């Protein structure tokens, strides 16, 4: 997957992160604890003061996929796509 496509996925997730986090029932601190970053990192990403890395994107994605309704939102937002699934599964 090229860098441009990765950035596209990251931007979509960042744009929707507060809503997704709330659907998961997580505070910024709670999400930060789960994925192993500081709560300031999540705050800065949500305020678009810091860019989300690909590894952080994947970590947040895994957390989001634990709830079916959030997975459906990711699919509707065109974040969790067949292309991304194939990439994660190593088929691309």
Protein backbone atom coordinates (compact mmCIF):
# COMPACT_ATOMS: atom_id res chain seq x y z
CA UNK A 1 0.00 0.00 0.00
CA UNK A 2 1.48 3.33 -1.00
CA UNK A 3 2.00 6.25 1.37
CA UNK A 4 -0.74 8.35 -0.23
CA UNK A 5 -3.34 5.64 0.41
CA UNK A 6 -2.13 5.22 3.99
CA UNK A 7 -2.51 8.95 4.59
CA UNK A 8 -6.03 8.83 3.17
CA UNK A 9 -7.02 6.12 5.67
CA UNK A 10 -5.32 7.98 8.53
CA UNK A 11 -7.08 11.26 7.71
CA UNK A 12 -10.49 9.59 7.65
CA UNK A 13 -9.86 7.94 10.99
CA UNK A 14 -8.54 11.15 12.58
CA UNK A 15 -11.57 13.10 11.32
CA UNK A 16 -13.86 10.61 13.07
CA UNK A 17 -11.75 9.61 16.06
CA UNK A 18 -13.71 11.47 18.79
CA UNK A 19 -16.98 9.91 17.62
CA UNK A 20 -15.45 6.44 17.27
CA UNK A 21 -13.83 6.68 20.68
CA UNK A 22 -17.17 7.64 22.24
CA UNK A 23 -18.88 4.71 20.49
CA UNK A 24 -16.25 2.49 22.08
CA UNK A 25 -17.00 4.05 25.47
CA UNK A 26 -13.42 5.26 25.83
CA UNK A 27 -11.91 8.50 27.03
CA UNK A 28 -8.76 9.82 25.44
CA UNK A 29 -6.88 8.38 28.40
CA UNK A 30 -8.60 5.02 28.03
CA UNK A 31 -7.74 4.71 24.36
CA UNK A 32 -4.21 5.89 25.04
CA UNK A 33 -3.76 3.22 27.72
CA UNK A 34 -5.00 0.46 25.41
CA UNK A 35 -2.74 1.36 22.48
CA UNK A 36 0.29 2.35 24.56
CA UNK A 37 0.58 6.08 23.93
CA UNK A 38 0.07 9.12 26.14
CA UNK A 39 -3.30 10.78 26.49
CA UNK A 40 -1.61 13.93 25.17
CA UNK A 41 -0.87 12.06 21.94
CA UNK A 42 -4.56 11.25 21.46
CA UNK A 43 -5.54 14.83 22.36
CA UNK A 44 -3.01 16.28 19.89
CA UNK A 45 -4.12 13.90 17.13
CA UNK A 46 -7.78 14.77 17.66
CA UNK A 47 -6.96 18.49 17.59
CA UNK A 48 -4.85 17.87 14.46
CA UNK A 49 -1.79 19.27 16.20
CA UNK A 50 0.06 16.00 15.66
CA UNK A 51 0.00 13.58 12.76
CA UNK A 52 -1.14 10.04 13.40
CA UNK A 53 1.46 7.44 12.50
CA UNK A 54 0.60 4.31 10.54
CA UNK A 55 1.35 2.14 13.58
CA UNK A 56 -1.00 4.24 15.73
CA UNK A 57 -3.63 4.00 12.99
CA UNK A 58 -3.37 0.21 13.00
CA UNK A 59 -3.54 0.10 16.80
CA UNK A 60 -6.67 2.26 16.90
CA UNK A 61 -8.18 0.22 14.07
CA UNK A 62 -7.71 -3.02 16.01
CA UNK A 63 -9.43 -1.49 19.05
CA UNK A 64 -12.29 -0.24 16.87
CA UNK A 65 -12.78 -3.66 15.30
CA UNK A 66 -13.57 -5.18 18.70
CA UNK A 67 -17.12 -3.80 18.55
CA UNK A 68 -19.37 -4.78 15.65
CA UNK A 69 -21.24 -1.47 15.52
CA UNK A 70 -17.96 0.45 15.34
CA UNK A 71 -16.71 -1.92 12.63
CA UNK A 72 -19.84 -1.10 10.64
CA UNK A 73 -19.19 2.62 11.05
CA UNK A 74 -15.62 2.15 9.83
CA UNK A 75 -16.94 0.33 6.79
CA UNK A 76 -19.54 3.03 6.09
CA UNK A 77 -16.85 5.72 6.40
CA UNK A 78 -14.74 3.82 3.86
CA UNK A 79 -11.96 3.29 6.39
CA UNK A 80 -12.26 -0.47 6.82
CA UNK A 81 -12.16 -1.50 3.17
CA UNK A 82 -11.44 -4.70 1.28
CA UNK A 83 -8.12 -3.15 0.24
CA UNK A 84 -7.14 -2.51 3.85
CA UNK A 85 -8.25 -5.98 4.92
CA UNK A 86 -6.12 -7.53 2.18
CA UNK A 87 -3.15 -5.40 3.26
CA UNK A 88 -3.55 -6.43 6.90
CA UNK A 89 -3.87 -10.09 5.93
CA UNK A 90 -0.69 -9.81 3.85
CA UNK A 91 -2.39 -10.39 0.52
CA UNK A 92 -1.14 -7.06 -0.88
